[in-house]
Each structure stands twice: as C-alpha cells, then as structure tokens.
C-alpha cells in the first residue's frame, strides 16, 4: 500500500477495519472504483480529489 497518499492510507485502513470494499465506497461516493483509486494514490488532480474527500470522510465516519 505504499503507493497511496497519506489520505489514501487513512481511507484504506478505515476500509479494512470496516470490511468495506473500494467498489462499495466508490458507489456510495458516486464515482468509479478506478477514479477512487486515483484519488487515494494522489494521482488525480488535487482540486478534483478534494471535491470528494469530505464525502469519503463522512461515509467512513473518520476525521481529517
């Protein structure tokens, strides 16, 4: 998981703890799993990824 950003590592950890898949999270956010992966890796443009971070935090019940 070392190719994930700090945000991505936090989200991946929360997903594992809650036994939620990236596909399920992506569906709840309203994006594709591939797009979610890019956000978690930090390869998606900063502005674009920021748009979804608060929603991801809210869905997983974690804080920034």
N, C-alpha and C. Protein backbone atom coordinates (compact mmCIF):
# COMPACT_ATOMS: atom_id res chain seq x y z
N UNK A 1 0.82 -1.20 0.00
CA UNK A 1 0.00 0.00 0.00
C UNK A 1 0.85 1.26 0.00
N UNK A 2 2.11 1.14 -0.17
CA UNK A 2 3.00 2.30 -0.09
C UNK A 2 2.79 3.28 -1.24
N UNK A 3 2.07 2.89 -2.28
CA UNK A 3 1.84 3.82 -3.39
C UNK A 3 0.63 4.74 -3.13
N UNK A 4 0.05 4.66 -1.95
CA UNK A 4 -1.07 5.52 -1.61
C UNK A 4 -0.58 6.78 -0.91
N UNK A 5 -1.35 7.86 -1.08
CA UNK A 5 -1.05 9.11 -0.38
C UNK A 5 -1.39 8.93 1.10
N UNK A 6 -1.07 9.91 1.90
CA UNK A 6 -1.40 9.86 3.33
C UNK A 6 -2.92 9.71 3.51
N UNK A 7 -3.66 10.48 2.74
CA UNK A 7 -5.12 10.37 2.75
C UNK A 7 -5.54 8.96 2.34
N UNK A 8 -4.93 8.45 1.29
CA UNK A 8 -5.26 7.12 0.80
C UNK A 8 -5.01 6.03 1.82
N UNK A 9 -3.90 6.13 2.54
CA UNK A 9 -3.59 5.15 3.58
C UNK A 9 -4.62 5.17 4.69
N UNK A 10 -5.04 6.38 5.06
CA UNK A 10 -6.05 6.52 6.11
C UNK A 10 -7.38 5.89 5.67
N UNK A 11 -7.76 6.15 4.43
CA UNK A 11 -9.01 5.60 3.90
C UNK A 11 -8.91 4.09 3.77
N UNK A 12 -7.81 3.59 3.24
CA UNK A 12 -7.64 2.14 3.07
C UNK A 12 -7.70 1.43 4.42
N UNK A 13 -7.08 2.02 5.43
CA UNK A 13 -7.12 1.45 6.78
C UNK A 13 -8.56 1.39 7.29
N UNK A 14 -9.30 2.47 7.09
CA UNK A 14 -10.71 2.52 7.52
C UNK A 14 -11.53 1.48 6.76
N UNK A 15 -11.27 1.32 5.48
CA UNK A 15 -11.98 0.32 4.69
C UNK A 15 -11.73 -1.08 5.23
N UNK A 16 -10.48 -1.39 5.52
CA UNK A 16 -10.13 -2.71 6.04
C UNK A 16 -10.78 -2.96 7.41
N UNK A 17 -10.74 -1.96 8.27
CA UNK A 17 -11.33 -2.10 9.61
C UNK A 17 -12.84 -2.33 9.53
N UNK A 18 -13.47 -1.70 8.56
CA UNK A 18 -14.93 -1.79 8.43
C UNK A 18 -15.37 -2.88 7.46
N UNK A 19 -14.39 -3.56 6.87
CA UNK A 19 -14.65 -4.61 5.88
C UNK A 19 -15.53 -4.10 4.75
N UNK A 20 -15.17 -2.93 4.24
CA UNK A 20 -15.86 -2.31 3.11
C UNK A 20 -14.90 -2.33 1.92
N UNK A 21 -15.41 -2.65 0.75
CA UNK A 21 -14.56 -2.68 -0.44
C UNK A 21 -14.47 -1.29 -1.07
N UNK A 22 -13.43 -1.12 -1.88
CA UNK A 22 -13.29 0.14 -2.61
C UNK A 22 -14.45 0.32 -3.58
N UNK A 23 -14.94 -0.77 -4.13
CA UNK A 23 -16.08 -0.71 -5.06
C UNK A 23 -17.32 -0.18 -4.36
N UNK A 24 -17.56 -0.67 -3.15
CA UNK A 24 -18.72 -0.21 -2.37
C UNK A 24 -18.58 1.27 -2.03
N UNK A 25 -17.40 1.67 -1.58
CA UNK A 25 -17.17 3.08 -1.25
C UNK A 25 -17.35 3.95 -2.49
N UNK A 26 -16.76 3.54 -3.60
CA UNK A 26 -16.87 4.32 -4.84
C UNK A 26 -18.34 4.50 -5.22
N UNK A 27 -19.12 3.44 -5.11
CA UNK A 27 -20.54 3.50 -5.45
C UNK A 27 -21.26 4.51 -4.56
N UNK A 28 -20.94 4.49 -3.25
CA UNK A 28 -21.58 5.42 -2.32
C UNK A 28 -21.18 6.87 -2.58
N UNK A 29 -19.93 7.07 -3.03
CA UNK A 29 -19.44 8.42 -3.34
C UNK A 29 -20.01 8.90 -4.68
N UNK A 30 -20.30 7.94 -5.57
CA UNK A 30 -20.83 8.30 -6.89
C UNK A 30 -19.76 8.38 -7.96
N UNK A 31 -18.67 7.64 -7.77
CA UNK A 31 -17.57 7.61 -8.73
C UNK A 31 -17.19 6.16 -9.03
N UNK A 32 -16.34 5.96 -10.01
CA UNK A 32 -15.91 4.61 -10.34
C UNK A 32 -14.80 4.16 -9.38
N UNK A 33 -14.63 2.85 -9.21
CA UNK A 33 -13.53 2.35 -8.38
C UNK A 33 -12.16 2.81 -8.89
N UNK A 34 -11.99 2.90 -10.19
CA UNK A 34 -10.72 3.36 -10.76
C UNK A 34 -10.45 4.82 -10.39
N UNK A 35 -11.48 5.62 -10.43
CA UNK A 35 -11.35 7.04 -10.07
C UNK A 35 -11.01 7.17 -8.59
N UNK A 36 -11.68 6.37 -7.75
CA UNK A 36 -11.39 6.37 -6.32
C UNK A 36 -9.94 5.98 -6.07
N UNK A 37 -9.47 4.98 -6.77
CA UNK A 37 -8.08 4.55 -6.63
C UNK A 37 -7.11 5.67 -6.96
N UNK A 38 -7.39 6.42 -8.01
CA UNK A 38 -6.54 7.56 -8.38
C UNK A 38 -6.54 8.63 -7.30
N UNK A 39 -7.69 8.87 -6.69
CA UNK A 39 -7.78 9.85 -5.61
C UNK A 39 -6.94 9.37 -4.42
N UNK A 40 -7.05 8.10 -4.07
CA UNK A 40 -6.33 7.56 -2.92
C UNK A 40 -4.82 7.53 -3.15
N UNK A 41 -4.42 7.36 -4.39
CA UNK A 41 -2.99 7.35 -4.71
C UNK A 41 -2.44 8.76 -4.88
N UNK A 42 -3.33 9.73 -5.01
CA UNK A 42 -2.89 11.11 -5.18
C UNK A 42 -2.51 11.43 -6.62
N UNK A 43 -2.90 10.57 -7.56
CA UNK A 43 -2.56 10.82 -8.96
C UNK A 43 -3.64 11.62 -9.67
N UNK A 44 -4.79 11.75 -9.07
CA UNK A 44 -5.87 12.56 -9.64
C UNK A 44 -5.58 14.00 -9.21
N UNK A 45 -5.87 14.95 -10.06
CA UNK A 45 -5.61 16.35 -9.74
C UNK A 45 -6.08 16.74 -8.36
N UNK A 46 -5.30 17.54 -7.67
CA UNK A 46 -5.61 17.91 -6.29
C UNK A 46 -7.00 18.51 -6.15
N UNK A 47 -7.36 19.40 -7.04
CA UNK A 47 -8.69 20.03 -6.97
C UNK A 47 -9.80 19.01 -7.14
N UNK A 48 -9.61 18.10 -8.06
CA UNK A 48 -10.63 17.10 -8.34
C UNK A 48 -10.79 16.15 -7.16
N UNK A 49 -9.68 15.69 -6.60
CA UNK A 49 -9.73 14.77 -5.47
C UNK A 49 -10.32 15.42 -4.24
N UNK A 50 -10.00 16.68 -4.02
CA UNK A 50 -10.50 17.41 -2.85
C UNK A 50 -12.03 17.45 -2.85
N UNK A 51 -12.60 17.48 -4.02
CA UNK A 51 -14.05 17.55 -4.17
C UNK A 51 -14.74 16.38 -3.46
N UNK A 52 -14.08 15.23 -3.40
CA UNK A 52 -14.69 14.03 -2.85
C UNK A 52 -14.21 13.65 -1.45
N UNK A 53 -13.16 14.28 -0.97
CA UNK A 53 -12.59 13.89 0.32
C UNK A 53 -13.58 13.99 1.48
N UNK A 54 -14.30 15.09 1.56
CA UNK A 54 -15.23 15.25 2.69
C UNK A 54 -16.33 14.20 2.65
N UNK A 55 -16.78 13.85 1.47
CA UNK A 55 -17.81 12.83 1.34
C UNK A 55 -17.27 11.47 1.76
N UNK A 56 -16.02 11.17 1.40
CA UNK A 56 -15.39 9.91 1.78
C UNK A 56 -15.24 9.85 3.30
N UNK A 57 -14.76 10.94 3.90
CA UNK A 57 -14.63 11.00 5.36
C UNK A 57 -15.99 10.76 6.03
N UNK A 58 -17.01 11.41 5.52
CA UNK A 58 -18.35 11.29 6.10
C UNK A 58 -18.87 9.86 6.00
N UNK A 59 -18.74 9.25 4.85
CA UNK A 59 -19.23 7.88 4.64
C UNK A 59 -18.53 6.90 5.57
N UNK A 60 -17.21 7.07 5.74
CA UNK A 60 -16.46 6.14 6.56
C UNK A 60 -16.47 6.51 8.05
N UNK A 61 -16.97 7.70 8.37
CA UNK A 61 -17.04 8.13 9.76
C UNK A 61 -15.67 8.39 10.37
N UNK A 62 -14.76 8.93 9.54
CA UNK A 62 -13.42 9.28 10.03
C UNK A 62 -13.24 10.78 9.92
N UNK A 63 -12.24 11.28 10.62
CA UNK A 63 -11.97 12.72 10.59
C UNK A 63 -10.69 13.00 9.84
N UNK A 64 -10.58 14.24 9.39
CA UNK A 64 -9.38 14.67 8.68
C UNK A 64 -8.29 14.76 9.65
